[in-house]
Amino acid sequence: MGGEPKRRYAKARQGKRRSHHALALPPVELCPRCHQTKLCHHVCPTCGTYGGEQIIEVKGKKKK
């Protein structure tokens, strides 16, 4: 059998404990070539460049 708490925790105390549980937004920057947003230190998914060099070939968008 587990122990029971002697007193009820206040909602403010619960909120203070959970105040550090928020998710941080990922760091994004603009691609210098195509000016689309991309993750920092990642290849641009739009144009496929990283550090001014073409790393991957990006195919065109599919038409429906």
C-alpha atoms as a PDB file:
ATOM      1  CA  MET A   1       0.000   0.000   0.000  1.00  0.00           C
ATOM      2  CA  GLY A   2       1.294   3.389  -0.956  1.00  0.00           C
ATOM      3  CA  GLY A   3       1.284   6.386   1.305  1.00  0.00           C
ATOM      4  CA  GLU A   4      -1.325   9.119   0.996  1.00  0.00           C
ATOM      5  CA  PRO A   5      -0.530  12.831   1.036  1.00  0.00           C
ATOM      6  CA  LYS A   6      -1.478  14.598   4.267  1.00  0.00           C
ATOM      7  CA  ARG A   7      -2.551  17.786   2.487  1.00  0.00           C
ATOM      8  CA  ARG A   8      -3.774  18.636  -0.995  1.00  0.00           C
ATOM      9  CA  TYR A   9      -1.333  20.464  -3.261  1.00  0.00           C
ATOM     10  CA  ALA A  10      -2.488  23.882  -4.425  1.00  0.00           C
ATOM     11  CA  LYS A  11      -3.022  24.543  -8.146  1.00  0.00           C
ATOM     12  CA  ALA A  12      -0.467  27.359  -8.000  1.00  0.00           C
ATOM     13  CA  ARG A  13       2.170  24.963  -6.749  1.00  0.00           C
ATOM     14  CA  GLN A  14       1.316  22.540  -9.552  1.00  0.00           C
ATOM     15  CA  GLY A  15       1.641  25.367 -12.091  1.00  0.00           C
ATOM     16  CA  LYS A  16       5.008  26.462 -10.701  1.00  0.00           C
ATOM     17  CA  ARG A  17       6.321  22.930 -11.054  1.00  0.00           C
ATOM     18  CA  ARG A  18       5.099  22.668 -14.650  1.00  0.00           C
ATOM     19  CA  SER A  19       6.358  26.115 -15.683  1.00  0.00           C
ATOM     20  CA  HIS A  20       9.579  24.612 -17.080  1.00  0.00           C
ATOM     21  CA  HIS A  21       7.865  21.910 -19.164  1.00  0.00           C
ATOM     22  CA  ALA A  22       7.160  24.113 -22.199  1.00  0.00           C
ATOM     23  CA  LEU A  23       8.627  23.038 -25.530  1.00  0.00           C
ATOM     24  CA  ALA A  24      11.176  25.377 -27.097  1.00  0.00           C
ATOM     25  CA  LEU A  25      10.777  26.474 -30.698  1.00  0.00           C
ATOM     26  CA  PRO A  26      13.363  25.004 -33.080  1.00  0.00           C
ATOM     27  CA  PRO A  27      16.094  27.428 -34.204  1.00  0.00           C
ATOM     28  CA  VAL A  28      15.347  28.543 -37.763  1.00  0.00           C
ATOM     29  CA  GLU A  29      17.137  30.882 -40.149  1.00  0.00           C
ATOM     30  CA  LEU A  30      16.712  32.072 -43.722  1.00  0.00           C
ATOM     31  CA  CYS A  31      18.517  30.254 -46.512  1.00  0.00           C
ATOM     32  CA  PRO A  32      20.969  32.702 -48.147  1.00  0.00           C
ATOM     33  CA  ARG A  33      20.207  31.314 -51.611  1.00  0.00           C
ATOM     34  CA  CYS A  34      16.423  30.880 -51.796  1.00  0.00           C
ATOM     35  CA  HIS A  35      15.427  32.932 -48.688  1.00  0.00           C
ATOM     36  CA  GLN A  36      13.149  30.185 -47.330  1.00  0.00           C
ATOM     37  CA  THR A  37      13.197  29.170 -43.665  1.00  0.00           C
ATOM     38  CA  LYS A  38      15.370  26.191 -42.739  1.00  0.00           C
ATOM     39  CA  LEU A  39      16.723  24.616 -39.577  1.00  0.00           C
ATOM     40  CA  CYS A  40      20.119  25.873 -38.423  1.00  0.00           C
ATOM     41  CA  HIS A  41      23.052  23.610 -39.388  1.00  0.00           C
ATOM     42  CA  HIS A  42      20.849  21.616 -41.813  1.00  0.00           C
ATOM     43  CA  VAL A  43      20.609  21.363 -45.576  1.00  0.00           C
ATOM     44  CA  CYS A  44      17.903  23.614 -47.019  1.00  0.00           C
ATOM     45  CA  PRO A  45      14.957  21.380 -47.997  1.00  0.00           C
ATOM     46  CA  THR A  46      13.864  23.812 -50.720  1.00  0.00           C
ATOM     47  CA  CYS A  47      17.066  24.258 -52.728  1.00  0.00           C
ATOM     48  CA  GLY A  48      19.379  21.571 -51.254  1.00  0.00           C
ATOM     49  CA  THR A  49      22.336  23.808 -50.394  1.00  0.00           C
ATOM     50  CA  TYR A  50      24.424  24.061 -47.249  1.00  0.00           C
ATOM     51  CA  GLY A  51      27.266  26.504 -46.751  1.00  0.00           C
ATOM     52  CA  GLY A  52      26.997  27.759 -50.326  1.00  0.00           C
ATOM     53  CA  GLU A  53      27.483  24.283 -51.831  1.00  0.00           C
ATOM     54  CA  GLN A  54      24.904  22.079 -53.543  1.00  0.00           C
ATOM     55  CA  ILE A  55      24.585  19.004 -51.312  1.00  0.00           C
ATOM     56  CA  ILE A  56      21.439  17.254 -52.539  1.00  0.00           C
ATOM     57  CA  GLU A  57      19.359  17.526 -55.690  1.00  0.00           C
ATOM     58  CA  VAL A  58      15.822  18.634 -55.004  1.00  0.00           C
ATOM     59  CA  LYS A  59      13.170  17.471 -57.432  1.00  0.00           C
ATOM     60  CA  GLY A  60      10.341  19.762 -58.521  1.00  0.00           C
ATOM     61  CA  LYS A  61       6.954  19.689 -56.859  1.00  0.00           C
ATOM     62  CA  LYS A  62       4.481  17.106 -58.131  1.00  0.00           C
ATOM     63  CA  LYS A  63       1.364  18.468 -59.769  1.00  0.00           C
ATOM     64  CA  LYS A  64      -1.958  16.896 -58.842  1.00  0.00           C
END
